[in-house]
PDB file of all heavy atoms in Angstrom:
ATOM      1  N   ARG A   1      82.884  79.950 126.613  1.00  0.00           N
ATOM      2  CA  ARG A   1      83.313  80.456 125.307  1.00  0.00           C
ATOM      3  C   ARG A   1      84.377  79.527 124.716  1.00  0.00           C
ATOM      4  O   ARG A   1      85.300  79.960 124.043  1.00  0.00           O
ATOM      5  CB  ARG A   1      83.805  81.891 125.393  1.00  0.00           C
ATOM      6  CG  ARG A   1      82.787  82.827 126.060  1.00  0.00           C
ATOM      7  CD  ARG A   1      83.204  84.289 125.993  1.00  0.00           C
ATOM      8  NE  ARG A   1      82.441  85.054 126.984  1.00  0.00           N
ATOM      9  CZ  ARG A   1      82.567  86.349 127.218  1.00  0.00           C
ATOM     10  NH1 ARG A   1      83.429  87.054 126.500  1.00  0.00           N
ATOM     11  NH2 ARG A   1      81.853  86.962 128.139  1.00  0.00           N
ATOM     12  N   GLY A   2      84.195  78.248 124.990  1.00  0.00           N
ATOM     13  CA  GLY A   2      85.134  77.220 124.564  1.00  0.00           C
ATOM     14  C   GLY A   2      86.137  76.972 125.673  1.00  0.00           C
ATOM     15  O   GLY A   2      85.964  76.099 126.519  1.00  0.00           O
ATOM     16  N   ALA A   3      87.199  77.740 125.667  1.00  0.00           N
ATOM     17  CA  ALA A   3      88.206  77.713 126.736  1.00  0.00           C
ATOM     18  C   ALA A   3      88.850  79.093 126.739  1.00  0.00           C
ATOM     19  O   ALA A   3      90.018  79.264 126.408  1.00  0.00           O
ATOM     20  CB  ALA A   3      89.236  76.617 126.492  1.00  0.00           C
ATOM     21  N   ARG A   4      88.071  80.063 127.127  1.00  0.00           N
ATOM     22  CA  ARG A   4      88.442  81.474 126.970  1.00  0.00           C
ATOM     23  C   ARG A   4      89.779  81.844 127.601  1.00  0.00           C
ATOM     24  O   ARG A   4      90.516  82.686 127.087  1.00  0.00           O
ATOM     25  CB  ARG A   4      87.323  82.331 127.560  1.00  0.00           C
ATOM     26  CG  ARG A   4      87.495  83.829 127.388  1.00  0.00           C
ATOM     27  CD  ARG A   4      86.476  84.549 128.235  1.00  0.00           C
ATOM     28  NE  ARG A   4      86.413  85.977 127.918  1.00  0.00           N
ATOM     29  CZ  ARG A   4      85.797  86.873 128.684  1.00  0.00           C
ATOM     30  NH1 ARG A   4      85.207  86.476 129.795  1.00  0.00           N
ATOM     31  NH2 ARG A   4      85.762  88.139 128.352  1.00  0.00           N
ATOM     32  N   GLY A   5      90.086  81.238 128.716  1.00  0.00           N
ATOM     33  CA  GLY A   5      91.334  81.570 129.376  1.00  0.00           C
ATOM     34  C   GLY A   5      92.565  81.030 128.682  1.00  0.00           C
ATOM     35  O   GLY A   5      93.680  81.472 128.955  1.00  0.00           O
ATOM     36  N   LEU A   6      92.342  80.085 127.764  1.00  0.00           N
ATOM     37  CA  LEU A   6      93.452  79.376 127.128  1.00  0.00           C
ATOM     38  C   LEU A   6      93.585  79.638 125.643  1.00  0.00           C
ATOM     39  O   LEU A   6      94.677  79.444 125.079  1.00  0.00           O
ATOM     40  CB  LEU A   6      93.278  77.860 127.341  1.00  0.00           C
ATOM     41  CG  LEU A   6      93.013  77.400 128.781  1.00  0.00           C
ATOM     42  CD1 LEU A   6      92.714  75.918 128.802  1.00  0.00           C
ATOM     43  CD2 LEU A   6      94.195  77.741 129.680  1.00  0.00           C
ATOM     44  N   TYR A   7      92.505  80.052 124.998  1.00  0.00           N
ATOM     45  CA  TYR A   7      92.468  80.152 123.541  1.00  0.00           C
ATOM     46  C   TYR A   7      91.460  81.233 123.157  1.00  0.00           C
ATOM     47  O   TYR A   7      90.517  81.480 123.904  1.00  0.00           O
ATOM     48  CB  TYR A   7      92.036  78.794 122.953  1.00  0.00           C
ATOM     49  CG  TYR A   7      92.632  78.470 121.611  1.00  0.00           C
ATOM     50  CD1 TYR A   7      93.800  77.715 121.501  1.00  0.00           C
ATOM     51  CD2 TYR A   7      92.039  78.927 120.438  1.00  0.00           C
ATOM     52  CE1 TYR A   7      94.348  77.408 120.261  1.00  0.00           C
ATOM     53  CE2 TYR A   7      92.584  78.633 119.193  1.00  0.00           C
ATOM     54  CZ  TYR A   7      93.733  77.872 119.114  1.00  0.00           C
ATOM     55  OH  TYR A   7      94.292  77.582 117.878  1.00  0.00           O
ATOM     56  N   PRO A   8      91.635  81.910 122.015  1.00  0.00           N
ATOM     57  CA  PRO A   8      90.711  82.984 121.637  1.00  0.00           C
ATOM     58  C   PRO A   8      89.238  82.567 121.760  1.00  0.00           C
ATOM     59  O   PRO A   8      88.823  81.543 121.230  1.00  0.00           O
ATOM     60  CB  PRO A   8      91.093  83.279 120.178  1.00  0.00           C
ATOM     61  CG  PRO A   8      92.552  82.975 120.128  1.00  0.00           C
ATOM     62  CD  PRO A   8      92.724  81.770 121.013  1.00  0.00           C
ATOM     63  N   GLU A   9      88.490  83.367 122.473  1.00  0.00           N
ATOM     64  CA  GLU A   9      87.134  83.003 122.864  1.00  0.00           C
ATOM     65  C   GLU A   9      86.178  82.792 121.692  1.00  0.00           C
ATOM     66  O   GLU A   9      86.262  83.441 120.650  1.00  0.00           O
ATOM     67  CB  GLU A   9      86.549  84.064 123.790  1.00  0.00           C
ATOM     68  CG  GLU A   9      86.319  85.423 123.140  1.00  0.00           C
ATOM     69  CD  GLU A   9      85.702  86.415 124.110  1.00  0.00           C
ATOM     70  OE1 GLU A   9      86.288  86.665 125.177  1.00  0.00           O
ATOM     71  OE2 GLU A   9      84.624  86.944 123.782  1.00  0.00           O
ATOM     72  N   ASN A  10      85.258  81.846 121.904  1.00  0.00           N
ATOM     73  CA  ASN A  10      84.192  81.564 120.944  1.00  0.00           C
ATOM     74  C   ASN A  10      84.718  81.169 119.565  1.00  0.00           C
ATOM     75  O   ASN A  10      84.014  81.324 118.565  1.00  0.00           O
ATOM     76  CB  ASN A  10      83.247  82.768 120.815  1.00  0.00           C
ATOM     77  CG  ASN A  10      82.225  82.817 121.938  1.00  0.00           C
ATOM     78  OD1 ASN A  10      81.611  81.813 122.274  1.00  0.00           O
ATOM     79  ND2 ASN A  10      82.053  83.991 122.526  1.00  0.00           N
ATOM     80  N   SER A  11      85.930  80.677 119.523  1.00  0.00           N
ATOM     81  CA  SER A  11      86.515  80.261 118.246  1.00  0.00           C
ATOM     82  C   SER A  11      86.452  78.750 118.105  1.00  0.00           C
ATOM     83  O   SER A  11      86.279  78.016 119.096  1.00  0.00           O
ATOM     84  CB  SER A  11      87.970  80.710 118.164  1.00  0.00           C
ATOM     85  OG  SER A  11      88.759  80.048 119.137  1.00  0.00           O
ATOM     86  N   ILE A  12      86.608  78.281 116.890  1.00  0.00           N
ATOM     87  CA  ILE A  12      86.672  76.839 116.660  1.00  0.00           C
ATOM     88  C   ILE A  12      87.846  76.248 117.433  1.00  0.00           C
ATOM     89  O   ILE A  12      87.737  75.179 118.043  1.00  0.00           O
ATOM     90  CB  ILE A  12      86.780  76.549 115.152  1.00  0.00           C
ATOM     91  CG1 ILE A  12      85.464  76.917 114.452  1.00  0.00           C
ATOM     92  CG2 ILE A  12      87.124  75.080 114.907  1.00  0.00           C
ATOM     93  CD1 ILE A  12      85.522  76.888 112.935  1.00  0.00           C
ATOM     94  N   GLY A  13      88.973  76.961 117.458  1.00  0.00           N
ATOM     95  CA  GLY A  13      90.133  76.489 118.199  1.00  0.00           C
ATOM     96  C   GLY A  13      89.878  76.363 119.683  1.00  0.00           C
ATOM     97  O   GLY A  13      90.368  75.435 120.343  1.00  0.00           O
ATOM     98  N   ALA A  14      89.101  77.308 120.251  1.00  0.00           N
ATOM     99  CA  ALA A  14      88.778  77.252 121.674  1.00  0.00           C
ATOM    100  C   ALA A  14      87.924  76.036 121.992  1.00  0.00           C
ATOM    101  O   ALA A  14      88.077  75.401 123.049  1.00  0.00           O
ATOM    102  CB  ALA A  14      88.058  78.527 122.105  1.00  0.00           C
ATOM    103  N   MET A  15      87.009  75.696 121.084  1.00  0.00           N
ATOM    104  CA  MET A  15      86.168  74.514 121.285  1.00  0.00           C
ATOM    105  C   MET A  15      87.020  73.247 121.233  1.00  0.00           C
ATOM    106  O   MET A  15      86.836  72.323 122.039  1.00  0.00           O
ATOM    107  CB  MET A  15      85.059  74.469 120.237  1.00  0.00           C
ATOM    108  CG  MET A  15      84.180  75.713 120.185  1.00  0.00           C
ATOM    109  SD  MET A  15      83.359  76.105 121.760  1.00  0.00           S
ATOM    110  CE  MET A  15      83.080  77.871 121.557  1.00  0.00           C
ATOM    111  N   LYS A  16      87.970  73.197 120.311  1.00  0.00           N
ATOM    112  CA  LYS A  16      88.843  72.034 120.211  1.00  0.00           C
ATOM    113  C   LYS A  16      89.737  71.925 121.443  1.00  0.00           C
ATOM    114  O   LYS A  16      89.996  70.810 121.937  1.00  0.00           O
ATOM    115  CB  LYS A  16      89.681  72.119 118.940  1.00  0.00           C
ATOM    116  CG  LYS A  16      88.874  71.915 117.662  1.00  0.00           C
ATOM    117  CD  LYS A  16      89.758  71.985 116.428  1.00  0.00           C
ATOM    118  CE  LYS A  16      88.961  71.705 115.162  1.00  0.00           C
ATOM    119  NZ  LYS A  16      89.813  71.770 113.940  1.00  0.00           N
ATOM    120  N   ALA A  17      90.193  73.070 121.950  1.00  0.00           N
ATOM    121  CA  ALA A  17      91.013  73.055 123.167  1.00  0.00           C
ATOM    122  C   ALA A  17      90.225  72.472 124.334  1.00  0.00           C
ATOM    123  O   ALA A  17      90.770  71.725 125.159  1.00  0.00           O
ATOM    124  CB  ALA A  17      91.487  74.470 123.495  1.00  0.00           C
ATOM    125  N   ALA A  18      88.936  72.796 124.412  1.00  0.00           N
ATOM    126  CA  ALA A  18      88.086  72.256 125.473  1.00  0.00           C
ATOM    127  C   ALA A  18      87.865  70.759 125.285  1.00  0.00           C
ATOM    128  O   ALA A  18      87.872  69.989 126.257  1.00  0.00           O
ATOM    129  CB  ALA A  18      86.748  72.991 125.501  1.00  0.00           C
ATOM    130  N   ILE A  19      87.692  70.336 124.052  1.00  0.00           N
ATOM    131  CA  ILE A  19      87.488  68.911 123.770  1.00  0.00           C
ATOM    132  C   ILE A  19      88.708  68.102 124.180  1.00  0.00           C
ATOM    133  O   ILE A  19      88.598  66.949 124.617  1.00  0.00           O
ATOM    134  CB  ILE A  19      87.164  68.707 122.275  1.00  0.00           C
ATOM    135  CG1 ILE A  19      85.783  69.288 121.955  1.00  0.00           C
ATOM    136  CG2 ILE A  19      87.201  67.223 121.884  1.00  0.00           C
ATOM    137  CD1 ILE A  19      85.469  69.371 120.472  1.00  0.00           C
ATOM    138  N   ASP A  20      89.888  68.699 124.070  1.00  0.00           N
ATOM    139  CA  ASP A  20      91.123  68.015 124.450  1.00  0.00           C
ATOM    140  C   ASP A  20      91.226  67.765 125.954  1.00  0.00           C
ATOM    141  O   ASP A  20      92.071  66.968 126.395  1.00  0.00           O
ATOM    142  CB  ASP A  20      92.340  68.827 123.999  1.00  0.00           C
ATOM    143  CG  ASP A  20      92.574  68.762 122.498  1.00  0.00           C
ATOM    144  OD1 ASP A  20      92.110  67.796 121.855  1.00  0.00           O
ATOM    145  OD2 ASP A  20      93.218  69.692 121.964  1.00  0.00           O
ATOM    146  N   LEU A  21      90.378  68.433 126.735  1.00  0.00           N
ATOM    147  CA  LEU A  21      90.375  68.257 128.189  1.00  0.00           C
ATOM    148  C   LEU A  21      89.323  67.208 128.549  1.00  0.00           C
ATOM    149  O   LEU A  21      88.127  67.420 128.344  1.00  0.00           O
ATOM    150  CB  LEU A  21      90.064  69.587 128.879  1.00  0.00           C
ATOM    151  CG  LEU A  21      91.083  70.697 128.598  1.00  0.00           C
ATOM    152  CD1 LEU A  21      90.553  72.048 129.055  1.00  0.00           C
ATOM    153  CD2 LEU A  21      92.419  70.384 129.267  1.00  0.00           C
ATOM    154  N   PRO A  22      89.735  66.071 129.076  1.00  0.00           N
ATOM    155  CA  PRO A  22      88.824  64.916 129.184  1.00  0.00           C
ATOM    156  C   PRO A  22      87.598  65.114 130.055  1.00  0.00           C
ATOM    157  O   PRO A  22      86.575  64.457 129.825  1.00  0.00           O
ATOM    158  CB  PRO A  22      89.727  63.808 129.743  1.00  0.00           C
ATOM    159  CG  PRO A  22      90.900  64.504 130.346  1.00  0.00           C
ATOM    160  CD  PRO A  22      91.095  65.739 129.526  1.00  0.00           C
ATOM    161  N   LYS A  23      87.636  66.009 131.053  1.00  0.00           N
ATOM    162  CA  LYS A  23      86.472  66.166 131.929  1.00  0.00           C
ATOM    163  C   LYS A  23      85.401  67.072 131.331  1.00  0.00           C
ATOM    164  O   LYS A  23      84.254  67.067 131.791  1.00  0.00           O
ATOM    165  CB  LYS A  23      86.894  66.704 133.298  1.00  0.00           C
ATOM    166  CG  LYS A  23      87.662  65.690 134.135  1.00  0.00           C
ATOM    167  CD  LYS A  23      87.765  66.098 135.589  1.00  0.00           C
ATOM    168  CE  LYS A  23      86.453  65.884 136.333  1.00  0.00           C
ATOM    169  NZ  LYS A  23      86.607  66.065 137.804  1.00  0.00           N
ATOM    170  N   VAL A  24      85.743  67.846 130.318  1.00  0.00           N
ATOM    171  CA  VAL A  24      84.766  68.757 129.712  1.00  0.00           C
ATOM    172  C   VAL A  24      83.695  67.949 128.988  1.00  0.00           C
ATOM    173  O   VAL A  24      83.992  67.100 128.140  1.00  0.00           O
ATOM    174  CB  VAL A  24      85.440  69.739 128.742  1.00  0.00           C
ATOM    175  CG1 VAL A  24      84.392  70.574 128.008  1.00  0.00           C
ATOM    176  CG2 VAL A  24      86.414  70.648 129.486  1.00  0.00           C
ATOM    177  N   THR A  25      82.448  68.223 129.323  1.00  0.00           N
ATOM    178  CA  THR A  25      81.318  67.557 128.663  1.00  0.00           C
ATOM    179  C   THR A  25      80.592  68.466 127.682  1.00  0.00           C
ATOM    180  O   THR A  25      79.960  67.998 126.741  1.00  0.00           O
ATOM    181  CB  THR A  25      80.281  67.080 129.699  1.00  0.00           C
ATOM    182  OG1 THR A  25      79.729  68.225 130.372  1.00  0.00           O
ATOM    183  CG2 THR A  25      80.901  66.133 130.708  1.00  0.00           C
ATOM    184  N   THR A  26      80.701  69.796 127.941  1.00  0.00           N
ATOM    185  CA  THR A  26      79.802  70.749 127.296  1.00  0.00           C
ATOM    186  C   THR A  26      80.573  71.979 126.842  1.00  0.00           C
ATOM    187  O   THR A  26      81.409  72.501 127.580  1.00  0.00           O
ATOM    188  CB  THR A  26      78.692  71.163 128.285  1.00  0.00           C
ATOM    189  OG1 THR A  26      78.063  69.984 128.813  1.00  0.00           O
ATOM    190  CG2 THR A  26      77.648  72.037 127.603  1.00  0.00           C
ATOM    191  N   LEU A  27      80.235  72.434 125.640  1.00  0.00           N
ATOM    192  CA  LEU A  27      80.867  73.622 125.072  1.00  0.00           C
ATOM    193  C   LEU A  27      79.897  74.790 125.179  1.00  0.00           C
ATOM    194  O   LEU A  27      78.821  74.769 124.570  1.00  0.00           O
ATOM    195  CB  LEU A  27      81.239  73.370 123.614  1.00  0.00           C
ATOM    196  CG  LEU A  27      82.172  72.172 123.376  1.00  0.00           C
ATOM    197  CD1 LEU A  27      82.331  71.917 121.886  1.00  0.00           C
ATOM    198  CD2 LEU A  27      83.524  72.390 124.039  1.00  0.00           C
TER     199      LEU A  27
END
């Protein structure tokens, strides 16, 4: 859900938070 534990789930912000983590390949 992007980065549910760190940012509101399934949000644009959660996806950006995941992109900021270099090992993440997939949203």
